[in-house]
Amino acid sequence: MQLTTEVFQRAMPKQFRGRINQEVIDDINTTFSDPALMEQYRDNLLSYTHVMKDGKFKMSQYLEAVKYVGFKLMGNSNIEAYAKTFPSRYNYYVANGTSQKDLASYVTSYNKNKLVNLIFEQTLIPTHILNADMYQKAINVQAELMMDTNVSFKVRSDAANSLLTHLKAPETKMEIDITIKQDSTLADLRATTDLLVQQQSKFLIEGVVDAKTIAHSELIDAEVIEVE
C-alpha cells in the first residue's frame, strides 16, 4: 500500500503540511523496490512525525533520518546504514580517496545528529517491557524457593521477603483539600456581630441592660417558615 498525500499530511505537524506535495510522495513511494522495505519505511515515516514539532528541520532531513534509523534497526552498522541512506555521497567519498578515518568521522557526526537521535529514541523499548518474561520467571523462582522445604530457612525467608517487596500493591495517598471561601453572607454576619457587640457594650456601660440579660439574649431573631 503506497503512502498518499492526505495520509502523510494528517500525520505531520501543521507547519509541515504545506510542504507535502505529490512530488514528495512520489519520491517516498519509489525509495525502495522491495515491498517489505517500502512498507517498513512508510510505517516509520508515519510513526515518528511528532519529532518534527520541536525542531527546525527540513522535510528532506526527516526522510533521510527515518531511512537511516530504519537501516540501523535492521542490524546494519553505522557506516553500512550511512552508505545505504546516502549511496551517492558515500560513493563520492570512496571514489575521491577519502580516508577511512575521515569517512568514519562523517558517519559519526551524522549518527549524533539531533533529528536522528530524536527518532532513534522513539524506537527504544523500555527495559521492563522488553524483559517482562524474565521478570515473571524470576518471580516463579522466588516462589519455588519460598515453598521448598529442602533449602535453609534463610533462603526461604529471603525469597519470601523478595516477593513481598516486588509484588506489594502500589501505595495510595489520600489528600484532603479543605478550603474556606468567604462570600458576602459571611462578611455581613461578621459586620452584624461586631455592631451587636458594640451596642451591647454601650448599653452595659450606660446601665440600660445588665450582663445577665446580654448573656441570655438571642443573636438572631428570625421566623422559621416551613415549606412543603
Protein backbone atom coordinates (compact mmCIF):
# COMPACT_ATOMS: atom_id res chain seq x y z
CA MET A 1 0.00 0.00 0.00
CA GLN A 2 1.51 3.30 -1.09
CA LEU A 3 1.63 6.43 1.00
CA THR A 4 -0.78 9.17 -0.05
CA THR A 5 -0.55 12.93 0.28
CA GLU A 6 -3.62 13.09 2.53
CA VAL A 7 -2.38 10.44 4.95
CA PHE A 8 1.11 11.96 5.28
CA GLN A 9 -0.31 15.47 5.76
CA ARG A 10 -2.57 14.30 8.58
CA ALA A 11 0.38 12.65 10.33
CA MET A 12 2.69 15.64 10.02
CA PRO A 13 2.62 18.74 12.30
CA LYS A 14 0.61 21.60 10.81
CA GLN A 15 3.62 23.71 9.88
CA PHE A 16 4.88 20.97 7.54
CA ARG A 17 1.65 20.01 5.81
CA GLY A 18 2.01 22.68 3.13
CA ARG A 19 5.39 21.24 2.13
CA ILE A 20 3.94 17.84 1.29
CA ASN A 21 3.02 17.64 -2.37
CA GLN A 22 2.74 14.89 -4.93
CA GLU A 23 6.42 15.17 -5.84
CA VAL A 24 7.44 14.42 -2.25
CA ILE A 25 5.02 11.49 -2.08
CA ASP A 26 6.29 10.06 -5.38
CA ASP A 27 9.88 10.23 -4.10
CA ILE A 28 8.85 8.38 -0.94
CA ASN A 29 6.91 5.68 -2.76
CA THR A 30 9.83 4.97 -5.08
CA THR A 31 12.50 4.86 -2.36
CA PHE A 32 12.60 1.07 -2.20
CA SER A 33 11.73 -1.53 -4.80
CA ASP A 34 11.48 -4.22 -2.12
CA PRO A 35 7.84 -4.21 -0.87
CA ALA A 36 8.86 -5.23 2.66
CA LEU A 37 11.40 -2.40 2.96
CA MET A 38 8.92 0.05 1.45
CA GLU A 39 6.23 -0.94 3.94
CA GLN A 40 8.60 -0.55 6.89
CA TYR A 41 9.79 2.84 5.63
CA ARG A 42 6.24 4.10 5.13
CA ASP A 43 5.18 2.96 8.60
CA ASN A 44 8.24 4.58 10.18
CA LEU A 45 7.58 7.87 8.39
CA LEU A 46 4.08 7.95 9.85
CA SER A 47 5.18 6.87 13.33
CA TYR A 48 7.86 9.47 14.11
CA THR A 49 6.35 12.66 12.68
CA HIS A 50 5.84 14.24 16.13
CA VAL A 51 9.63 14.71 16.49
CA MET A 52 9.35 17.50 13.92
CA LYS A 53 7.32 19.72 16.26
CA ASP A 54 10.21 20.98 18.38
CA GLY A 55 12.99 21.46 15.87
CA LYS A 56 13.79 23.45 12.77
CA PHE A 57 14.21 20.53 10.40
CA LYS A 58 13.69 20.18 6.68
CA MET A 59 11.38 17.60 5.16
CA SER A 60 14.31 16.04 3.30
CA GLN A 61 16.22 15.68 6.58
CA TYR A 62 13.30 13.84 8.14
CA LEU A 63 13.02 11.42 5.22
CA GLU A 64 16.76 10.70 5.34
CA ALA A 65 16.87 10.30 9.13
CA VAL A 66 13.96 7.84 9.15
CA LYS A 67 15.66 5.82 6.42
CA TYR A 68 18.96 5.78 8.33
CA VAL A 69 17.34 4.72 11.61
CA GLY A 70 15.41 2.02 9.75
CA PHE A 71 18.64 0.52 8.44
CA LYS A 72 20.15 0.67 11.92
CA LEU A 73 17.17 -1.21 13.34
CA MET A 74 17.75 -3.92 10.76
CA GLY A 75 21.17 -4.60 12.30
CA ASN A 76 23.36 -2.54 9.99
CA SER A 77 26.41 -0.80 11.43
CA ASN A 78 26.59 2.98 11.40
CA ILE A 79 28.70 3.08 8.25
CA GLU A 80 26.51 0.48 6.48
CA ALA A 81 23.35 2.41 7.34
CA TYR A 82 25.01 5.64 6.16
CA ALA A 83 26.09 4.08 2.85
CA LYS A 84 22.57 2.79 2.18
CA THR A 85 20.96 6.09 3.14
CA PHE A 86 23.36 8.25 1.11
CA PRO A 87 24.70 5.96 -1.64
CA SER A 88 25.74 8.80 -3.96
CA ARG A 89 27.51 10.69 -1.18
CA TYR A 90 29.23 7.57 0.11
CA ASN A 91 30.40 6.56 -3.38
CA TYR A 92 31.74 10.07 -3.91
CA TYR A 93 33.85 9.82 -0.77
CA VAL A 94 35.21 6.44 -1.79
CA ALA A 95 35.89 7.49 -5.37
CA ASN A 96 37.82 10.53 -4.21
CA GLY A 97 40.04 8.53 -1.89
CA THR A 98 38.57 9.75 1.41
CA SER A 99 40.42 8.04 4.24
CA GLN A 100 38.62 5.57 6.48
CA LYS A 101 39.28 7.86 9.41
CA ASP A 102 37.63 10.84 7.72
CA LEU A 103 34.77 8.71 6.47
CA ALA A 104 34.20 7.36 9.96
CA SER A 105 34.11 10.89 11.34
CA TYR A 106 31.45 11.89 8.81
CA VAL A 107 29.35 8.88 9.74
CA THR A 108 29.80 9.51 13.47
CA SER A 109 28.78 13.13 13.05
CA TYR A 110 25.59 12.15 11.25
CA ASN A 111 24.86 9.43 13.80
CA LYS A 112 24.93 12.12 16.53
CA ASN A 113 22.55 14.33 14.56
CA LYS A 114 19.73 15.67 16.75
CA LEU A 115 16.94 14.54 14.46
CA VAL A 116 18.44 11.08 14.09
CA ASN A 117 18.62 10.68 17.84
CA LEU A 118 15.10 12.02 18.39
CA ILE A 119 13.80 9.36 16.01
CA PHE A 120 16.01 6.64 17.44
CA GLU A 121 14.73 7.38 20.95
CA GLN A 122 11.20 6.60 19.78
CA THR A 123 12.27 3.11 18.72
CA LEU A 124 13.68 2.07 22.08
CA ILE A 125 11.59 -0.39 24.05
CA PRO A 126 11.66 0.17 27.85
CA THR A 127 13.74 -2.48 29.61
CA HIS A 128 10.90 -3.57 31.90
CA ILE A 129 8.72 -4.29 28.88
CA LEU A 130 11.48 -5.95 26.88
CA ASN A 131 12.27 -8.28 29.80
CA ALA A 132 8.75 -8.90 31.07
CA ASP A 133 9.11 -12.66 30.59
CA MET A 134 12.34 -12.72 32.62
CA TYR A 135 10.62 -10.78 35.40
CA GLN A 136 7.91 -13.42 35.65
CA LYS A 137 10.47 -16.23 35.60
CA ALA A 138 12.36 -14.57 38.48
CA ILE A 139 9.13 -14.37 40.48
CA ASN A 140 8.45 -18.05 39.82
CA VAL A 141 11.94 -19.00 41.05
CA GLN A 142 11.49 -16.97 44.22
CA ALA A 143 8.11 -18.60 44.82
CA GLU A 144 9.61 -22.07 44.40
CA LEU A 145 12.41 -21.29 46.86
CA MET A 146 9.94 -19.92 49.39
CA MET A 147 7.95 -23.19 49.29
CA ASP A 148 10.94 -25.54 49.12
CA THR A 149 11.43 -27.23 52.50
CA ASN A 150 14.77 -28.68 51.38
CA VAL A 151 16.55 -25.33 51.45
CA SER A 152 17.60 -23.36 54.50
CA PHE A 153 15.19 -21.19 56.44
CA LYS A 154 17.19 -18.10 55.47
CA VAL A 155 16.87 -18.87 51.75
CA ARG A 156 13.11 -19.34 52.12
CA SER A 157 12.84 -16.17 54.19
CA ASP A 158 14.84 -14.13 51.69
CA ALA A 159 12.71 -15.45 48.83
CA ALA A 160 9.51 -14.60 50.68
CA ASN A 161 10.80 -11.12 51.50
CA SER A 162 11.76 -10.57 47.87
CA LEU A 163 8.25 -11.47 46.73
CA LEU A 164 6.69 -9.20 49.35
CA THR A 165 8.89 -6.33 48.21
CA HIS A 166 8.35 -6.68 44.47
CA LEU A 167 4.71 -7.73 44.47
CA LYS A 168 3.31 -5.32 47.03
CA ALA A 169 0.40 -3.21 45.95
CA PRO A 170 1.22 0.38 44.96
CA GLU A 171 0.87 2.89 47.76
CA THR A 172 -2.02 5.28 47.50
CA LYS A 173 -2.06 8.72 49.02
CA MET A 174 -5.23 10.35 50.17
CA GLU A 175 -5.15 14.11 50.12
CA ILE A 176 -7.86 16.21 51.66
CA ASP A 177 -8.13 19.73 50.36
CA ILE A 178 -10.03 21.94 52.78
CA THR A 179 -10.59 25.49 51.67
CA ILE A 180 -12.67 28.21 53.26
CA LYS A 181 -14.29 30.57 50.86
CA GLN A 182 -15.67 33.81 52.15
CA ASP A 183 -18.70 35.26 50.47
CA SER A 184 -20.85 38.31 51.21
CA THR A 185 -23.04 36.35 53.66
CA LEU A 186 -20.13 35.60 55.99
CA ALA A 187 -18.88 39.17 55.75
CA ASP A 188 -22.35 40.56 56.54
CA LEU A 189 -22.65 38.23 59.52
CA ARG A 190 -19.34 39.40 60.91
CA ALA A 191 -20.29 43.04 60.44
CA THR A 192 -23.64 42.48 62.18
CA THR A 193 -21.96 40.65 65.06
CA ASP A 194 -19.41 43.45 65.53
CA LEU A 195 -22.19 46.03 65.57
CA LEU A 196 -24.19 43.99 68.11
CA VAL A 197 -21.17 43.71 70.40
CA GLN A 198 -20.63 47.46 70.25
CA GLN A 199 -24.28 48.18 71.06
CA GLN A 200 -24.37 45.69 73.95
CA SER A 201 -21.16 47.15 75.38
CA LYS A 202 -22.68 50.62 75.17
CA PHE A 203 -25.93 49.51 76.87
CA LEU A 204 -23.98 47.70 79.57
CA ILE A 205 -21.88 50.79 80.31
CA GLU A 206 -24.94 53.07 80.37
CA GLY A 207 -26.82 50.65 82.61
CA VAL A 208 -29.61 50.07 80.14
CA VAL A 209 -29.15 46.29 80.46
CA ASP A 210 -27.20 44.05 82.79
CA ALA A 211 -24.74 41.27 81.98
CA LYS A 212 -27.31 38.53 82.68
CA THR A 213 -29.73 39.96 80.12
CA ILE A 214 -27.00 40.16 77.50
CA ALA A 215 -25.88 36.60 78.22
CA HIS A 216 -29.42 35.28 77.63
CA SER A 217 -30.19 37.41 74.60
CA GLU A 218 -30.67 35.83 71.17
CA LEU A 219 -28.23 36.73 68.44
CA ILE A 220 -30.70 36.16 65.61
CA ASP A 221 -34.34 36.94 65.73
CA ALA A 222 -35.92 35.14 62.80
CA GLU A 223 -39.12 33.45 61.90
CA VAL A 224 -38.92 29.90 60.58
CA ILE A 225 -41.22 29.26 57.66
CA GLU A 226 -41.92 25.68 56.77
CA VAL A 227 -42.02 24.98 53.07
CA GLU A 228 -43.99 21.96 51.96
